[in-house]
Amino acid sequence: MQDVAERYAHDTYTLRRKVLTLIGAKFHIYDPQDDLALFAKLKGFKIKEDIRIYADELQTQEVLSIRTQSVFDIAGTYDVRDSVTGETVGALRRKGLKSMLRDEWLILDANGAEIGKIVEDSQFKALVRRFIEAASVFMPQKFHAEMGGQTIATYQQNFNPFVQKIMIDFTPDTANQLDARLGLAAAILLCAIEGKQR
């Protein structure tokens, strides 16, 4: 139990996803010492998203789950649940139509109330990425998470043809407003869901 809690205690993480996986996707989240903190596997050809996050690659201990609430939800609401305690951590809702021009997600608490948002860096860069396919290589996505009008986290994508990386930084969150479990789940969704539109 303590070992799992320690995995959420860092200010920075690196998420890596192998781009050339044929079916589904694998996500590795590393701590600042480059030790594996979490491992997630997304199965291909699933109508309803169900992402399980584990303490290691052997998948011996499930620690978090991310599941959609509805199959036919354009916006997409993803519940984040702690598999160890059974606690609902919160949810992340993609703003469907609005995200066609600029990606935006709402951060919800365990009761479904909006407590913050995650927004793509700039409208101009977002539009360029959507209309020029190669632009995502030269202009990788960057997101910032806000709560109470303050930036509490950043997600910086570094893209190459073989490995997609997101640098996760929680250091702006000096008041510890964002539950790290929700923040890390957001990184996986940004990599898995937004990556499909490239």
N, C-alpha and C. Protein backbone atom coordinates (compact mmCIF):
# COMPACT_ATOMS: atom_id res chain seq x y z
N MET A 1 0.83 -1.20 0.00
CA MET A 1 0.00 0.00 0.00
C MET A 1 0.87 1.25 0.00
N GLN A 2 1.89 1.27 0.86
CA GLN A 2 2.77 2.41 0.93
C GLN A 2 3.55 2.57 -0.37
N ASP A 3 3.96 1.45 -0.95
CA ASP A 3 4.71 1.48 -2.20
C ASP A 3 3.88 2.12 -3.31
N VAL A 4 2.60 1.81 -3.37
CA VAL A 4 1.71 2.39 -4.37
C VAL A 4 1.58 3.89 -4.16
N ALA A 5 1.40 4.31 -2.91
CA ALA A 5 1.25 5.73 -2.60
C ALA A 5 2.50 6.52 -3.00
N GLU A 6 3.66 5.91 -2.81
CA GLU A 6 4.91 6.59 -3.16
C GLU A 6 5.02 6.85 -4.66
N ARG A 7 4.34 6.06 -5.45
CA ARG A 7 4.38 6.25 -6.90
C ARG A 7 3.73 7.56 -7.33
N TYR A 8 2.86 8.11 -6.48
CA TYR A 8 2.16 9.35 -6.81
C TYR A 8 2.78 10.57 -6.13
N ALA A 9 3.95 10.40 -5.52
CA ALA A 9 4.52 11.46 -4.69
C ALA A 9 5.50 12.37 -5.41
N HIS A 10 5.72 12.17 -6.70
CA HIS A 10 6.72 12.95 -7.43
C HIS A 10 6.12 14.19 -8.09
N ASP A 11 6.98 15.16 -8.36
CA ASP A 11 6.54 16.39 -9.03
C ASP A 11 6.61 16.28 -10.55
N THR A 12 7.48 15.42 -11.05
CA THR A 12 7.63 15.26 -12.50
C THR A 12 7.64 13.79 -12.88
N TYR A 13 7.13 13.52 -14.07
CA TYR A 13 7.09 12.17 -14.63
C TYR A 13 7.32 12.26 -16.14
N THR A 14 7.68 11.13 -16.72
CA THR A 14 7.77 11.03 -18.18
C THR A 14 6.91 9.86 -18.63
N LEU A 15 6.00 10.12 -19.54
CA LEU A 15 5.16 9.06 -20.11
C LEU A 15 5.71 8.72 -21.49
N ARG A 16 5.89 7.45 -21.75
CA ARG A 16 6.38 7.01 -23.06
C ARG A 16 5.40 6.00 -23.66
N ARG A 17 5.13 6.19 -24.93
CA ARG A 17 4.25 5.28 -25.65
C ARG A 17 4.93 4.88 -26.97
N LYS A 18 5.04 3.58 -27.19
CA LYS A 18 5.60 3.11 -28.45
C LYS A 18 4.57 3.32 -29.55
N VAL A 19 4.97 4.05 -30.60
CA VAL A 19 4.05 4.41 -31.67
C VAL A 19 3.77 3.25 -32.61
N LEU A 20 4.72 2.37 -32.79
CA LEU A 20 4.59 1.31 -33.79
C LEU A 20 3.96 0.03 -33.26
N THR A 21 3.21 0.11 -32.16
CA THR A 21 2.47 -1.06 -31.68
C THR A 21 1.32 -1.34 -32.64
N LEU A 22 1.18 -2.58 -33.09
CA LEU A 22 0.20 -2.90 -34.12
C LEU A 22 -1.23 -2.78 -33.61
N ILE A 23 -1.53 -3.37 -32.47
CA ILE A 23 -2.89 -3.35 -31.92
C ILE A 23 -2.83 -2.85 -30.49
N GLY A 24 -3.67 -1.87 -30.17
CA GLY A 24 -3.69 -1.33 -28.82
C GLY A 24 -2.51 -0.41 -28.59
N ALA A 25 -2.20 -0.19 -27.33
CA ALA A 25 -1.10 0.71 -26.97
C ALA A 25 -0.59 0.37 -25.58
N LYS A 26 0.70 0.62 -25.36
CA LYS A 26 1.31 0.43 -24.06
C LYS A 26 1.91 1.75 -23.60
N PHE A 27 1.68 2.08 -22.33
CA PHE A 27 2.15 3.33 -21.78
C PHE A 27 3.03 3.05 -20.56
N HIS A 28 4.22 3.63 -20.55
CA HIS A 28 5.13 3.51 -19.42
C HIS A 28 5.29 4.88 -18.79
N ILE A 29 5.06 4.99 -17.49
CA ILE A 29 5.24 6.25 -16.78
C ILE A 29 6.42 6.09 -15.83
N TYR A 30 7.42 6.96 -16.02
CA TYR A 30 8.65 6.88 -15.23
C TYR A 30 8.75 8.05 -14.25
N ASP A 31 9.33 7.80 -13.09
CA ASP A 31 9.53 8.85 -12.10
C ASP A 31 10.80 9.64 -12.44
N PRO A 32 11.17 10.65 -11.65
CA PRO A 32 12.35 11.47 -11.98
C PRO A 32 13.66 10.68 -12.02
N GLN A 33 13.71 9.54 -11.33
CA GLN A 33 14.92 8.70 -11.35
C GLN A 33 14.91 7.71 -12.52
N ASP A 34 13.91 7.84 -13.39
CA ASP A 34 13.74 6.97 -14.55
C ASP A 34 13.39 5.53 -14.16
N ASP A 35 12.80 5.38 -12.98
CA ASP A 35 12.27 4.08 -12.56
C ASP A 35 10.80 4.00 -12.97
N LEU A 36 10.36 2.81 -13.35
CA LEU A 36 8.97 2.65 -13.78
C LEU A 36 8.03 2.86 -12.59
N ALA A 37 7.15 3.82 -12.72
CA ALA A 37 6.17 4.10 -11.66
C ALA A 37 4.84 3.41 -11.96
N LEU A 38 4.42 3.45 -13.23
CA LEU A 38 3.13 2.87 -13.63
C LEU A 38 3.22 2.33 -15.05
N PHE A 39 2.40 1.33 -15.32
CA PHE A 39 2.33 0.74 -16.66
C PHE A 39 0.86 0.58 -17.04
N ALA A 40 0.51 1.00 -18.24
CA ALA A 40 -0.88 0.88 -18.69
C ALA A 40 -0.92 0.23 -20.07
N LYS A 41 -1.99 -0.51 -20.28
CA LYS A 41 -2.18 -1.18 -21.56
C LYS A 41 -3.59 -0.92 -22.06
N LEU A 42 -3.69 -0.44 -23.29
CA LEU A 42 -4.98 -0.16 -23.91
C LEU A 42 -5.19 -1.19 -25.01
N LYS A 43 -6.25 -1.97 -24.88
CA LYS A 43 -6.53 -3.00 -25.88
C LYS A 43 -7.16 -2.37 -27.12
N GLY A 44 -6.83 -2.92 -28.27
CA GLY A 44 -7.39 -2.41 -29.52
C GLY A 44 -8.79 -2.94 -29.77
N PHE A 45 -9.52 -2.24 -30.65
CA PHE A 45 -10.84 -2.65 -31.11
C PHE A 45 -11.88 -2.77 -30.00
N LYS A 46 -11.79 -1.91 -29.00
CA LYS A 46 -12.80 -1.91 -27.94
C LYS A 46 -13.77 -0.76 -28.19
N ILE A 47 -15.07 -1.06 -28.11
CA ILE A 47 -16.09 -0.03 -28.32
C ILE A 47 -16.09 0.95 -27.15
N LYS A 48 -15.94 0.42 -25.96
CA LYS A 48 -15.95 1.25 -24.76
C LYS A 48 -14.56 1.22 -24.13
N GLU A 49 -13.95 2.41 -23.99
CA GLU A 49 -12.59 2.47 -23.47
C GLU A 49 -12.52 1.93 -22.03
N ASP A 50 -11.51 1.12 -21.77
CA ASP A 50 -11.29 0.56 -20.44
C ASP A 50 -9.78 0.39 -20.30
N ILE A 51 -9.15 1.35 -19.64
CA ILE A 51 -7.70 1.34 -19.49
C ILE A 51 -7.36 0.94 -18.06
N ARG A 52 -6.55 -0.09 -17.94
CA ARG A 52 -6.11 -0.55 -16.62
C ARG A 52 -4.65 -0.14 -16.42
N ILE A 53 -4.34 0.37 -15.23
CA ILE A 53 -3.00 0.85 -14.93
C ILE A 53 -2.42 0.00 -13.81
N TYR A 54 -1.19 -0.45 -14.02
CA TYR A 54 -0.57 -1.41 -13.11
C TYR A 54 0.71 -0.86 -12.49
N ALA A 55 1.16 -1.53 -11.44
CA ALA A 55 2.39 -1.14 -10.76
C ALA A 55 3.63 -1.60 -11.53
N ASP A 56 3.48 -2.58 -12.43
CA ASP A 56 4.62 -3.07 -13.19
C ASP A 56 4.16 -3.66 -14.52
N GLU A 57 5.12 -4.00 -15.37
CA GLU A 57 4.80 -4.53 -16.69
C GLU A 57 4.20 -5.93 -16.64
N LEU A 58 4.43 -6.66 -15.55
CA LEU A 58 3.87 -8.00 -15.41
C LEU A 58 2.37 -7.94 -15.09
N GLN A 59 1.88 -6.74 -14.78
CA GLN A 59 0.46 -6.51 -14.51
C GLN A 59 -0.04 -7.34 -13.32
N THR A 60 0.82 -7.47 -12.31
CA THR A 60 0.46 -8.26 -11.13
C THR A 60 -0.41 -7.48 -10.15
N GLN A 61 -0.31 -6.14 -10.18
CA GLN A 61 -1.10 -5.32 -9.25
C GLN A 61 -1.74 -4.15 -10.00
N GLU A 62 -3.05 -4.20 -10.14
CA GLU A 62 -3.78 -3.09 -10.76
C GLU A 62 -3.92 -1.98 -9.72
N VAL A 63 -3.57 -0.75 -10.10
CA VAL A 63 -3.64 0.36 -9.15
C VAL A 63 -4.67 1.42 -9.52
N LEU A 64 -4.96 1.57 -10.81
CA LEU A 64 -5.95 2.54 -11.27
C LEU A 64 -6.71 1.98 -12.46
N SER A 65 -7.91 2.50 -12.69
CA SER A 65 -8.63 2.17 -13.92
C SER A 65 -9.27 3.45 -14.48
N ILE A 66 -9.36 3.50 -15.79
CA ILE A 66 -9.99 4.62 -16.49
C ILE A 66 -11.05 4.01 -17.40
N ARG A 67 -12.30 4.41 -17.20
CA ARG A 67 -13.39 3.82 -18.00
C ARG A 67 -14.34 4.91 -18.48
N THR A 68 -14.83 4.74 -19.71
CA THR A 68 -15.82 5.68 -20.22
C THR A 68 -17.17 5.38 -19.59
N GLN A 69 -17.98 6.43 -19.46
CA GLN A 69 -19.31 6.26 -18.89
C GLN A 69 -20.31 5.80 -19.94
N SER A 70 -20.07 6.15 -21.21
CA SER A 70 -21.02 5.84 -22.26
C SER A 70 -20.29 5.50 -23.56
N VAL A 71 -20.86 4.59 -24.32
CA VAL A 71 -20.25 4.18 -25.59
C VAL A 71 -20.38 5.29 -26.62
N PHE A 72 -21.54 5.90 -26.72
CA PHE A 72 -21.80 6.90 -27.75
C PHE A 72 -21.81 8.31 -27.18
N ASP A 73 -20.73 8.67 -26.53
CA ASP A 73 -20.59 10.00 -25.94
C ASP A 73 -19.54 10.77 -26.74
N ILE A 74 -19.97 11.78 -27.51
CA ILE A 74 -19.04 12.54 -28.35
C ILE A 74 -17.98 13.21 -27.49
N ALA A 75 -18.43 13.77 -26.38
CA ALA A 75 -17.49 14.46 -25.50
C ALA A 75 -16.56 13.44 -24.84
N GLY A 76 -17.14 12.40 -24.26
CA GLY A 76 -16.34 11.37 -23.61
C GLY A 76 -16.02 11.75 -22.18
N THR A 77 -16.63 11.05 -21.23
CA THR A 77 -16.33 11.24 -19.81
C THR A 77 -15.66 9.98 -19.32
N TYR A 78 -14.50 10.14 -18.70
CA TYR A 78 -13.69 9.00 -18.27
C TYR A 78 -13.56 9.01 -16.75
N ASP A 79 -14.15 8.01 -16.11
CA ASP A 79 -14.06 7.88 -14.66
C ASP A 79 -12.70 7.31 -14.27
N VAL A 80 -12.09 7.89 -13.25
CA VAL A 80 -10.81 7.41 -12.75
C VAL A 80 -11.04 6.83 -11.36
N ARG A 81 -10.68 5.57 -11.21
CA ARG A 81 -10.95 4.86 -9.95
C ARG A 81 -9.66 4.24 -9.41
N ASP A 82 -9.47 4.34 -8.12
CA ASP A 82 -8.32 3.72 -7.46
C ASP A 82 -8.66 2.24 -7.23
N SER A 83 -7.94 1.36 -7.89
CA SER A 83 -8.24 -0.07 -7.81
C SER A 83 -7.82 -0.68 -6.48
N VAL A 84 -6.93 -0.01 -5.76
CA VAL A 84 -6.47 -0.54 -4.47
C VAL A 84 -7.49 -0.24 -3.38
N THR A 85 -7.99 0.99 -3.33
CA THR A 85 -8.92 1.41 -2.28
C THR A 85 -10.38 1.31 -2.70
N GLY A 86 -10.64 1.22 -4.02
CA GLY A 86 -12.00 1.20 -4.52
C GLY A 86 -12.60 2.59 -4.63
N GLU A 87 -11.80 3.61 -4.33
CA GLU A 87 -12.26 5.00 -4.32
C GLU A 87 -12.37 5.57 -5.74
N THR A 88 -13.45 6.31 -5.99
CA THR A 88 -13.55 7.07 -7.24
C THR A 88 -12.76 8.36 -7.04
N VAL A 89 -11.72 8.54 -7.84
CA VAL A 89 -10.83 9.69 -7.69
C VAL A 89 -11.46 10.94 -8.30
N GLY A 90 -12.11 10.77 -9.44
CA GLY A 90 -12.70 11.88 -10.17
C GLY A 90 -12.96 11.44 -11.59
N ALA A 91 -13.06 12.40 -12.49
CA ALA A 91 -13.32 12.07 -13.90
C ALA A 91 -12.72 13.15 -14.78
N LEU A 92 -12.54 12.80 -16.04
CA LEU A 92 -12.03 13.73 -17.05
C LEU A 92 -13.00 13.70 -18.23
N ARG A 93 -13.46 14.87 -18.64
CA ARG A 93 -14.44 14.95 -19.72
C ARG A 93 -13.87 15.75 -20.89
N ARG A 94 -13.82 15.12 -22.03
CA ARG A 94 -13.33 15.80 -23.23
C ARG A 94 -14.44 16.65 -23.81
N LYS A 95 -14.13 17.90 -24.11
CA LYS A 95 -15.13 18.79 -24.69
C LYS A 95 -15.17 18.53 -26.19
N GLY A 96 -16.05 17.60 -26.59
CA GLY A 96 -16.09 17.03 -27.93
C GLY A 96 -15.99 17.99 -29.09
N LEU A 97 -17.03 18.74 -29.37
CA LEU A 97 -17.05 19.62 -30.54
C LEU A 97 -16.01 20.73 -30.42
N LYS A 98 -15.84 21.27 -29.23
CA LYS A 98 -14.86 22.33 -29.02
C LYS A 98 -13.45 21.82 -29.27
N SER A 99 -13.20 20.54 -28.94
CA SER A 99 -11.87 19.97 -29.10
C SER A 99 -11.51 19.69 -30.56
N MET A 100 -12.46 19.85 -31.46
CA MET A 100 -12.14 19.68 -32.87
C MET A 100 -11.19 20.78 -33.35
N LEU A 101 -11.25 21.95 -32.71
CA LEU A 101 -10.39 23.07 -33.07
C LEU A 101 -9.23 23.26 -32.09
N ARG A 102 -9.47 22.97 -30.85
CA ARG A 102 -8.45 23.11 -29.82
C ARG A 102 -8.82 22.18 -28.66
N ASP A 103 -7.93 21.26 -28.33
CA ASP A 103 -8.25 20.25 -27.32
C ASP A 103 -8.48 20.87 -25.95
N GLU A 104 -9.56 20.45 -25.32
CA GLU A 104 -9.87 20.92 -23.97
C GLU A 104 -10.58 19.82 -23.19
N TRP A 105 -10.17 19.64 -21.96
CA TRP A 105 -10.75 18.64 -21.07
C TRP A 105 -11.19 19.31 -19.77
N LEU A 106 -12.27 18.84 -19.19
CA LEU A 106 -12.70 19.30 -17.88
C LEU A 106 -12.23 18.31 -16.82
N ILE A 107 -11.79 18.82 -15.69
CA ILE A 107 -11.40 17.99 -14.55
C ILE A 107 -12.58 17.99 -13.57
N LEU A 108 -13.08 16.81 -13.25
CA LEU A 108 -14.23 16.68 -12.36
C LEU A 108 -13.83 15.98 -11.07
N ASP A 109 -14.48 16.35 -9.97
CA ASP A 109 -14.20 15.66 -8.72
C ASP A 109 -15.02 14.37 -8.64
N ALA A 110 -14.93 13.68 -7.51
CA ALA A 110 -15.60 12.38 -7.37
C ALA A 110 -17.11 12.47 -7.48
N ASN A 111 -17.67 13.67 -7.25
CA ASN A 111 -19.11 13.87 -7.35
C ASN A 111 -19.56 14.40 -8.71
N GLY A 112 -18.60 14.54 -9.63
CA GLY A 112 -18.93 15.02 -10.97
C GLY A 112 -18.94 16.52 -11.13
N ALA A 113 -18.50 17.27 -10.10
CA ALA A 113 -18.46 18.73 -10.18
C ALA A 113 -17.16 19.17 -10.86
N GLU A 114 -17.27 20.19 -11.70
CA GLU A 114 -16.10 20.70 -12.41
C GLU A 114 -15.19 21.44 -11.43
N ILE A 115 -13.91 21.06 -11.41
CA ILE A 115 -12.95 21.71 -10.52
C ILE A 115 -11.77 22.32 -11.28
N GLY A 116 -11.68 22.06 -12.58
CA GLY A 116 -10.57 22.61 -13.36
C GLY A 116 -10.68 22.20 -14.81
N LYS A 117 -9.65 22.52 -15.58
CA LYS A 117 -9.64 22.16 -16.99
C LYS A 117 -8.22 21.98 -17.49
N ILE A 118 -8.10 21.26 -18.59
CA ILE A 118 -6.82 21.05 -19.27
C ILE A 118 -6.99 21.57 -20.69
N VAL A 119 -6.13 22.50 -21.11
CA VAL A 119 -6.30 23.18 -22.39
C VAL A 119 -5.03 23.08 -23.22
N GLU A 120 -5.19 22.88 -24.53
CA GLU A 120 -4.07 22.88 -25.46
C GLU A 120 -3.46 24.28 -25.51
N ASP A 121 -2.15 24.34 -25.79
CA ASP A 121 -1.39 25.57 -25.61
C ASP A 121 -1.91 26.81 -26.33
N SER A 122 -2.18 26.74 -27.63
CA SER A 122 -2.62 27.94 -28.34
C SER A 122 -3.56 27.56 -29.48
N GLN A 123 -4.51 28.43 -29.75
CA GLN A 123 -5.47 28.19 -30.83
C GLN A 123 -4.77 28.09 -32.17
N PHE A 124 -3.81 28.98 -32.42
CA PHE A 124 -3.10 28.99 -33.70
C PHE A 124 -2.36 27.68 -33.95
N LYS A 125 -1.57 27.25 -32.96
CA LYS A 125 -0.81 26.00 -33.12
C LYS A 125 -1.74 24.81 -33.25
N ALA A 126 -2.84 24.84 -32.52
CA ALA A 126 -3.81 23.75 -32.59
C ALA A 126 -4.38 23.62 -34.00
N LEU A 127 -4.71 24.74 -34.62
CA LEU A 127 -5.25 24.72 -35.98
C LEU A 127 -4.22 24.24 -36.99
N VAL A 128 -2.98 24.70 -36.83
CA VAL A 128 -1.91 24.26 -37.74
C VAL A 128 -1.74 22.76 -37.67
N ARG A 129 -1.76 22.19 -36.47
CA ARG A 129 -1.59 20.75 -36.30
C ARG A 129 -2.71 19.97 -36.99
N ARG A 130 -3.92 20.54 -36.98
CA ARG A 130 -5.05 19.83 -37.56
C ARG A 130 -5.07 19.86 -39.09
N PHE A 131 -4.52 20.90 -39.66
CA PHE A 131 -4.57 21.05 -41.12
C PHE A 131 -3.27 20.66 -41.83
N ILE A 132 -2.18 20.59 -41.09
CA ILE A 132 -0.90 20.16 -41.66
C ILE A 132 -0.42 18.95 -40.86
N GLU A 133 -0.53 17.80 -41.46
CA GLU A 133 -0.28 16.54 -40.73
C GLU A 133 1.10 16.47 -40.10
N ALA A 134 2.14 16.94 -40.82
CA ALA A 134 3.51 16.84 -40.31
C ALA A 134 3.79 17.86 -39.21
N ALA A 135 2.88 18.79 -38.99
CA ALA A 135 3.13 19.86 -38.01
C ALA A 135 3.28 19.33 -36.60
N SER A 136 2.62 18.21 -36.28
CA SER A 136 2.70 17.68 -34.92
C SER A 136 4.12 17.23 -34.56
N VAL A 137 4.94 16.93 -35.58
CA VAL A 137 6.33 16.55 -35.33
C VAL A 137 7.15 17.78 -34.95
N PHE A 138 6.91 18.88 -35.66
CA PHE A 138 7.68 20.11 -35.42
C PHE A 138 7.04 21.01 -34.37
N MET A 139 5.75 20.84 -34.14
CA MET A 139 5.03 21.64 -33.14
C MET A 139 4.27 20.70 -32.21
N PRO A 140 4.97 19.97 -31.37
CA PRO A 140 4.28 19.01 -30.49
C PRO A 140 3.29 19.72 -29.57
N GLN A 141 2.27 18.98 -29.18
CA GLN A 141 1.25 19.56 -28.31
C GLN A 141 1.80 19.87 -26.91
N LYS A 142 1.26 20.94 -26.35
CA LYS A 142 1.52 21.27 -24.96
C LYS A 142 0.19 21.65 -24.33
N PHE A 143 -0.05 21.12 -23.15
CA PHE A 143 -1.28 21.40 -22.42
C PHE A 143 -0.93 22.01 -21.06
N HIS A 144 -1.83 22.81 -20.53
CA HIS A 144 -1.69 23.25 -19.15
C HIS A 144 -3.00 22.99 -18.42
N ALA A 145 -2.87 22.54 -17.19
CA ALA A 145 -4.04 22.29 -16.36
C ALA A 145 -4.23 23.47 -15.43
N GLU A 146 -5.50 23.89 -15.29
CA GLU A 146 -5.82 25.03 -14.45
C GLU A 146 -6.85 24.65 -13.39
N MET A 147 -6.68 25.21 -12.20
CA MET A 147 -7.68 25.12 -11.15
C MET A 147 -7.72 26.47 -10.45
N GLY A 148 -8.91 27.04 -10.32
CA GLY A 148 -9.04 28.33 -9.67
C GLY A 148 -8.29 29.43 -10.39
N GLY A 149 -8.16 29.31 -11.71
CA GLY A 149 -7.46 30.32 -12.49
C GLY A 149 -5.95 30.23 -12.44
N GLN A 150 -5.40 29.24 -11.75
CA GLN A 150 -3.96 29.06 -11.62
C GLN A 150 -3.51 27.80 -12.36
N THR A 151 -2.37 27.88 -13.04
CA THR A 151 -1.79 26.69 -13.67
C THR A 151 -1.27 25.77 -12.59
N ILE A 152 -1.68 24.50 -12.66
CA ILE A 152 -1.25 23.55 -11.64
C ILE A 152 -0.44 22.39 -12.21
N ALA A 153 -0.41 22.29 -13.55
CA ALA A 153 0.37 21.21 -14.19
C ALA A 153 0.55 21.54 -15.66
N THR A 154 1.63 21.01 -16.23
CA THR A 154 1.84 21.13 -17.68
C THR A 154 2.14 19.75 -18.25
N TYR A 155 1.74 19.56 -19.49
CA TYR A 155 1.97 18.31 -20.22
C TYR A 155 2.62 18.68 -21.55
N GLN A 156 3.90 18.38 -21.70
CA GLN A 156 4.65 18.76 -22.90
C GLN A 156 4.96 17.51 -23.72
N GLN A 157 4.45 17.47 -24.93
CA GLN A 157 4.66 16.30 -25.79
C GLN A 157 5.96 16.46 -26.58
N ASN A 158 6.76 15.41 -26.60
CA ASN A 158 7.95 15.34 -27.46
C ASN A 158 7.73 14.15 -28.38
N PHE A 159 7.67 14.42 -29.67
CA PHE A 159 7.29 13.36 -30.60
C PHE A 159 8.45 12.99 -31.52
N ASN A 160 8.65 11.68 -31.68
CA ASN A 160 9.53 11.18 -32.74
C ASN A 160 8.81 10.00 -33.39
N PRO A 161 9.28 9.52 -34.53
CA PRO A 161 8.52 8.49 -35.26
C PRO A 161 8.34 7.17 -34.51
N PHE A 162 9.10 6.93 -33.45
CA PHE A 162 9.07 5.64 -32.80
C PHE A 162 8.50 5.66 -31.38
N VAL A 163 8.74 6.74 -30.67
CA VAL A 163 8.28 6.84 -29.28
C VAL A 163 7.63 8.20 -29.05
N GLN A 164 6.40 8.18 -28.55
CA GLN A 164 5.73 9.42 -28.18
C GLN A 164 5.96 9.64 -26.69
N LYS A 165 6.40 10.83 -26.32
CA LYS A 165 6.70 11.13 -24.92
C LYS A 165 5.93 12.35 -24.46
N ILE A 166 5.49 12.31 -23.22
CA ILE A 166 4.87 13.47 -22.59
C ILE A 166 5.59 13.73 -21.27
N MET A 167 6.12 14.93 -21.14
CA MET A 167 6.75 15.35 -19.90
C MET A 167 5.67 15.95 -19.00
N ILE A 168 5.48 15.37 -17.83
CA ILE A 168 4.43 15.78 -16.91
C ILE A 168 5.07 16.55 -15.76
N ASP A 169 4.57 17.75 -15.49
CA ASP A 169 5.16 18.59 -14.45
C ASP A 169 4.07 19.11 -13.51
N PHE A 170 4.09 18.64 -12.27
CA PHE A 170 3.13 19.08 -11.27
C PHE A 170 3.70 20.17 -10.34
N THR A 171 4.92 20.65 -10.62
CA THR A 171 5.55 21.61 -9.71
C THR A 171 4.78 22.92 -9.56
N PRO A 172 4.02 23.39 -10.59
CA PRO A 172 3.27 24.64 -10.36
C PRO A 172 2.18 24.51 -9.30
N ASP A 173 1.80 23.28 -8.95
CA ASP A 173 0.70 23.06 -8.01
C ASP A 173 1.21 23.13 -6.57
N THR A 174 1.55 24.33 -6.13
CA THR A 174 2.15 24.49 -4.80
C THR A 174 1.17 24.17 -3.67
N ALA A 175 -0.13 24.27 -3.95
CA ALA A 175 -1.13 23.98 -2.91
C ALA A 175 -1.63 22.54 -2.97
N ASN A 176 -1.04 21.74 -3.84
CA ASN A 176 -1.43 20.33 -3.99
C ASN A 176 -2.93 20.17 -4.21
N GLN A 177 -3.47 20.94 -5.16
CA GLN A 177 -4.90 20.89 -5.44
C GLN A 177 -5.28 19.67 -6.28
N LEU A 178 -4.38 19.26 -7.18
CA LEU A 178 -4.69 18.18 -8.11
C LEU A 178 -4.23 16.84 -7.55
N ASP A 179 -5.13 15.89 -7.47
CA ASP A 179 -4.77 14.53 -7.07
C ASP A 179 -3.88 13.95 -8.17
N ALA A 180 -2.70 13.50 -7.79
CA ALA A 180 -1.73 13.00 -8.78
C ALA A 180 -2.29 11.83 -9.59
N ARG A 181 -3.16 11.05 -8.98
CA ARG A 181 -3.76 9.92 -9.70
C ARG A 181 -4.59 10.43 -10.88
N LEU A 182 -5.31 11.51 -10.65
CA LEU A 182 -6.12 12.11 -11.70
C LEU A 182 -5.23 12.79 -12.74
N GLY A 183 -4.16 13.43 -12.27
CA GLY A 183 -3.23 14.09 -13.18
C GLY A 183 -2.49 13.11 -14.08
N LEU A 184 -2.13 11.95 -13.56
CA LEU A 184 -1.44 10.94 -14.36
C LEU A 184 -2.41 10.25 -15.32
N ALA A 185 -3.63 10.03 -14.87
CA ALA A 185 -4.65 9.47 -15.76
C ALA A 185 -4.90 10.41 -16.94
N ALA A 186 -4.88 11.72 -16.66
CA ALA A 186 -5.06 12.71 -17.73
C ALA A 186 -3.95 12.59 -18.77
N ALA A 187 -2.72 12.37 -18.32
CA ALA A 187 -1.60 12.24 -19.26
C ALA A 187 -1.80 11.05 -20.19
N ILE A 188 -2.28 9.94 -19.64
CA ILE A 188 -2.52 8.75 -20.47
C ILE A 188 -3.62 9.03 -21.50
N LEU A 189 -4.67 9.72 -21.07
CA LEU A 189 -5.76 10.04 -22.00
C LEU A 189 -5.31 11.01 -23.08
N LEU A 190 -4.48 12.00 -22.71
CA LEU A 190 -3.98 12.95 -23.69
C LEU A 190 -3.16 12.21 -24.76
N CYS A 191 -2.42 11.23 -24.33
CA CYS A 191 -1.57 10.45 -25.25
C CYS A 191 -2.40 9.48 -26.07
N ALA A 192 -3.39 8.85 -25.44
CA ALA A 192 -4.18 7.81 -26.11
C ALA A 192 -5.28 8.38 -26.99
N ILE A 193 -6.04 9.33 -26.48
CA ILE A 193 -7.20 9.84 -27.19
C ILE A 193 -6.82 10.92 -28.19
N GLU A 194 -6.08 11.94 -27.76
CA GLU A 194 -5.70 13.01 -28.67
C GLU A 194 -4.75 12.49 -29.74
N GLY A 195 -3.98 11.47 -29.41
CA GLY A 195 -3.07 10.91 -30.40
C GLY A 195 -3.76 10.29 -31.60
N LYS A 196 -5.02 9.91 -31.44
CA LYS A 196 -5.75 9.26 -32.53
C LYS A 196 -6.09 10.22 -33.67
N GLN A 197 -6.10 11.52 -33.38
CA GLN A 197 -6.52 12.46 -34.40
C GLN A 197 -5.36 12.91 -35.29
N ARG A 198 -4.14 12.49 -35.01
CA ARG A 198 -3.00 12.92 -35.82
C ARG A 198 -2.94 12.10 -37.10
